[in-house]
Every structure is written in C-alpha cells, then in structure tokens.
Protein backbone atom coordinates (compact mmCIF):
# COMPACT_ATOMS: atom_id res chain seq x y z
CA MET A 1 0.00 0.00 0.00
CA GLY A 2 1.48 3.31 -1.07
CA ILE A 3 1.40 6.54 0.92
CA GLY A 4 -1.38 7.92 -1.27
CA GLU A 5 -3.52 4.83 -0.76
CA LEU A 6 -2.90 4.91 3.00
CA LEU A 7 -3.92 8.56 3.23
CA ARG A 8 -7.04 7.96 1.13
CA TRP A 9 -7.99 4.96 3.33
CA GLN A 10 -7.50 7.04 6.48
CA TRP A 11 -9.50 9.95 5.13
CA GLU A 12 -12.40 7.76 3.91
CA GLY A 13 -12.73 6.00 7.28
CA TYR A 14 -12.46 9.15 9.40
CA PRO A 15 -16.17 10.13 9.44
CA LYS A 16 -17.28 6.57 10.24
CA TYR A 17 -14.89 5.97 13.13
CA HIS A 18 -15.04 9.38 14.74
CA GLN A 19 -18.80 9.75 15.23
CA SER A 20 -18.90 7.32 18.13
CA ARG A 21 -18.55 8.93 21.56
CA ALA A 22 -17.08 5.73 23.03
CA ASN A 23 -14.47 5.56 20.28
CA LEU A 24 -13.56 9.22 20.82
CA LEU A 25 -13.13 8.62 24.55
CA ILE A 26 -10.84 5.68 23.80
CA HIS A 27 -8.83 7.92 21.46
CA ILE A 28 -8.49 10.55 24.20
CA VAL A 29 -6.47 7.97 26.13
CA ALA A 30 -4.88 6.03 23.30
CA VAL A 31 -3.44 8.89 21.21
CA PRO A 32 -1.44 10.52 24.05
CA LEU A 33 -0.31 7.04 25.15
CA PHE A 34 0.94 6.36 21.63
CA LEU A 35 2.77 9.70 21.52
CA LEU A 36 4.31 9.05 24.93
CA GLY A 37 5.44 5.62 23.77
CA THR A 38 6.97 7.06 20.61
CA VAL A 39 8.94 9.70 22.52
CA ALA A 40 10.02 7.08 25.08
CA LEU A 41 11.16 4.86 22.22
CA VAL A 42 13.47 7.57 20.90
CA VAL A 43 14.81 8.29 24.39
CA ALA A 44 15.35 4.56 25.01
CA VAL A 45 17.41 4.25 21.84
CA VAL A 46 19.48 7.35 22.66
CA ARG A 47 20.11 6.16 26.23
CA LEU A 48 20.42 2.49 25.24
CA SER A 49 17.89 1.57 27.92
CA LEU A 50 16.25 -1.82 27.53
CA VAL A 51 13.79 -1.14 30.34
CA LEU A 52 12.59 2.10 28.77
CA LEU A 53 12.49 0.38 25.38
CA ALA A 54 10.17 -2.28 26.80
CA VAL A 55 7.93 0.37 28.39
CA ALA A 56 7.84 2.34 25.13
CA ILE A 57 6.88 -0.68 23.07
CA GLY A 58 4.26 -1.61 25.66
CA CYS A 59 2.70 1.86 25.46
CA ILE A 60 2.60 1.73 21.67
CA VAL A 61 1.09 -1.76 21.58
CA VAL A 62 -1.58 -0.91 24.17
CA ALA A 63 -2.46 2.32 22.34
CA VAL A 64 -2.85 0.57 18.99
CA ALA A 65 -4.90 -2.22 20.62
CA LEU A 66 -7.19 0.34 22.27
CA GLN A 67 -7.76 2.15 19.00
CA GLY A 68 -8.49 -1.14 17.26
CA ARG A 69 -11.00 -1.99 19.97
CA GLY A 70 -12.68 1.39 19.52
CA HIS A 71 -12.92 0.91 15.77
CA ARG A 72 -14.41 -2.55 16.25
CA LEU A 73 -17.07 -0.98 18.50
CA VAL A 74 -18.03 1.28 15.63
CA ASP A 75 -18.12 -1.65 13.17
CA CYS A 76 -20.43 -3.59 15.52
CA ASN A 77 -22.81 -0.64 15.80
CA THR A 78 -23.17 -0.03 12.07
C-alpha cells in the first residue's frame, strides 16, 4: 500500500470511526499514550535503555490495541 492509498484509506474511514462517543473517549487515552510511547522509544534508543524500550513498546502496543477496539465498536454498531 502506497502513501497515497494509505492517506485515502485514512480519510475515507475518518467520518465513520469518529462519530462514536465511546471511540472518541478511547482515542483521548490512546493517542497521548501512543505519543508518549513514541517519545520514550526515541529516548530509550538514545540512552540504550532496555527497560525504557520495553515500556515504550508496551505503550505503543496498548495504544494501537485500544484504538483497534474502539474501531471494532463502531463496526459492531453499524
């Protein structure tokens, strides 16, 4: 999937997935968690910290899982 296709897919799904209040509440938690995990990942690499690397990856995985769960809620309600 090219960048153009990815952007088109994201844009087309946006109205569907962001009308649900429950999904938006999940995103309020998941998006900052993902950003925190991404920053922690960079810091872990710079500091060569395996513990911080594990925490960073954990944050990212949980954030993506939460967003997936929220999107599945929307799919079940449509």
